Amino acid sequence: MGERIFALNDLTGVRSVCGCLSCRLGAVFADHLTALRTGFPGSVSVLGHRGPSPGTTAVAHLLAVRLGEELADVVVWEEMRPDQLAAWLPQPEARARVAQLAGRIPRLVRLRQAIRSGTLRPSGAAGSALAAGRYPSFRFLVEHWPELEKESTRMTIIPSPTSPDFATVGGAYADYSSGGRGRLRHDITARRVLAELGNRTARVLDVGCGDGEMVLRLAAAGHEVTGVEKSAGMLATAAERVAAVPELAKRVTLAEGDIYSLPFDDVSFDAVCCHGVVMYLPDSVAPAAHLARLVAPGGVLSILTKNQLAVGVREALRGQYASAQEQIETSQAASQGNLGITTRGDTPAHLDELARANGLTPLPWQGVRIFHDHRDGWKPEEDEYQAALAAEWAASTRSPYRELGRLVHALARREAVA
């Protein structure tokens, strides 16, 4: 799985290709990828549009390009002119520029992913711009390319993690899941998802189902649940847990699979859940698109991931003040979690933006584990736990408390067809 970044100006020399959400960019781009010899021939499908940033007209088209058995994400930035809707034609002078751009792409991709994951923090003008809230887009990278290229020779870029095999930390995860912190996560997210589903029997997909905790909870509520897990070891654990509850097993289907290649038809589930997965991936854009396409009209998307707004809070409450200060002052998005694996955060606003870009309407988000995230090994008596859960639930939808949650639970709905 990889990511490639292009700008239509660099490929074509023109400034616009579309002005609508159902544009012909996929078909046009597929033809000219081969014609321009960028090295990415293959079938192309449009995954969605990010939408313009405030004060700009930059629009990102998210494409998936099939390269044999692999899938590469392509992010194509364009300057949009609403009055020009005709498909673009490549300009002769653009061909000479493609090779130059293509030569930069691998480095640009590495820089962009490292900056967005927090594993690289540029200094100089680029660092100042990022600190002021500038988004590390393709346009930003090109603008600061000489500086970044020079500085990157002195920087160590730590590779962003792909989805790890949680079978290697299965025992630690099971211990966490049964403790107070894990129970808070599962109870709060399950309660909200079930509330959004209502009383109907729903078709639910749980992507990254792990040991089957959420699968069992949703099946126990009467829903038909499909669990997908990349780790064969975790999937085996989930299968054992499901088999131990025969009355639920008939409503559960388990399959090995990856978030980037989910083998399901579009709009085929009433709820798509992905809890505790996206924070282990280099970026949220492509995963959100892959998940959103599966949500049926009237259905909901539920993503639980690390909350970037609360970086440093856990460390400060644990007395790890130097680490907390560094994360707070740099708005560091990546840090090591309790399982010893690096995690990356998203802001609730970014997750809502991704939902809109994929045709969904954001619902009120929740902060999860606001008051108890720092309590390692917390295994409370039941009365204490229930009181803690009540306080956490009350705060989960209220500001300013929810902004301090270690996790953010972002939900969105696809409008029902009239």
Foldseek 3Di string as FASTA:
>chain_A
DEEWEEEVCLQAVDFAAAQDWPAPCQVVVQVVCVVLVLVQHAHKDWLFKLADDPPAQKIWTWMWGDDPPDIYIYIYIGRHDHVDHHGGDHDPVSSVSSVVSSVCTVVLRLVLLLVQQQQDQDDDPLNVCVLVPDRSDPVSCVVCVVVCVVVVVVDDRDDAFAFDQCLVLLVVVVLCCQALQNVLVQVLQLVVQDVLVPQDAWEEEEEQCFLPSSVVSSLVSPHQYEYEHQHPNRLVNNVVVLVVPVVSVVSYHYDYDDLQCDPDAFQATQEYEYEAGVQSHSDCQRSLSSRLRNRHASHKYKYKFFALLQQLVLCVVLVVNVRSVVCVSSSRQWDADPSRGITGHDHLVSSQSSQVRNQWHKDQKWATAQPHPNPPPHHDDPVVSVVVSVVRNVQGRDPPRRSNHRMMIIMTHHHHDD
